[in-house]
Amino acid sequence: MGRHLADHRSATTGGKVQQFLRLARVQRKIWHRSHAPVGPARLINFLRIARGRSA
């Protein structure tokens, strides 16, 4: 008895994996934004708090 047609599939090209990775990259860009550059005023306030001084 021969094998079923579904058992003779050709090799895939990885299209589903490529689309999954593309979507994962897009979602990562939406939710994981890079930090804003620290301005001088913010740095001064951080150092003031780190030294234990209040405003």
Protein backbone atom coordinates (compact mmCIF):
# COMPACT_ATOMS: atom_id res chain seq x y z
CA MET A 1 0.00 0.00 0.00
CA GLY A 2 1.40 3.39 -0.96
CA ARG A 3 1.79 6.47 1.16
CA HIS A 4 -0.83 9.18 1.27
CA LEU A 5 -0.33 12.36 -0.77
CA ALA A 6 0.03 14.41 2.41
CA ASP A 7 3.10 12.33 3.30
CA HIS A 8 4.92 13.51 0.15
CA ARG A 9 5.15 17.22 0.91
CA SER A 10 8.01 19.20 -0.57
CA ALA A 11 10.45 21.06 1.66
CA THR A 12 9.24 24.45 2.89
CA THR A 13 11.06 27.70 2.26
CA GLY A 14 10.60 29.00 5.82
CA GLY A 15 8.00 31.63 4.90
CA LYS A 16 6.01 31.22 8.11
CA VAL A 17 9.12 31.61 10.24
CA GLN A 18 10.19 34.70 8.30
CA GLN A 19 6.78 36.33 8.78
CA PHE A 20 6.76 35.44 12.49
CA LEU A 21 10.18 37.04 12.98
CA ARG A 22 9.13 40.12 11.01
CA LEU A 23 6.06 40.58 13.22
CA ALA A 24 8.14 40.02 16.36
CA ARG A 25 10.56 42.78 15.29
CA VAL A 26 7.71 45.21 14.57
CA GLN A 27 6.07 44.57 17.94
CA ARG A 28 9.40 44.91 19.74
CA LYS A 29 9.88 48.35 18.15
CA ILE A 30 6.42 49.41 19.33
CA TRP A 31 6.75 48.30 22.96
CA HIS A 32 10.49 48.59 23.61
CA ARG A 33 11.48 52.13 22.80
CA SER A 34 15.02 53.26 23.41
CA HIS A 35 15.56 55.58 26.35
CA ALA A 36 15.49 59.29 25.74
CA PRO A 37 18.86 60.99 26.05
CA VAL A 38 19.49 62.35 29.52
CA GLY A 39 19.50 66.14 29.56
CA PRO A 40 21.73 68.21 31.86
CA ALA A 41 18.86 69.21 34.18
CA ARG A 42 17.81 65.61 34.67
CA LEU A 43 21.40 64.58 35.36
CA ILE A 44 21.82 67.37 37.93
CA ASN A 45 18.62 66.30 39.73
CA PHE A 46 19.72 62.67 39.73
CA LEU A 47 23.10 63.55 41.24
CA ARG A 48 21.41 65.81 43.83
CA ILE A 49 19.11 62.97 44.91
CA ALA A 50 22.00 60.50 44.92
CA ARG A 51 23.93 62.79 47.29
CA GLY A 52 20.94 62.90 49.64
CA ARG A 53 19.92 66.51 49.12
CA SER A 54 16.28 67.50 48.79
CA ALA A 55 14.93 70.24 46.54
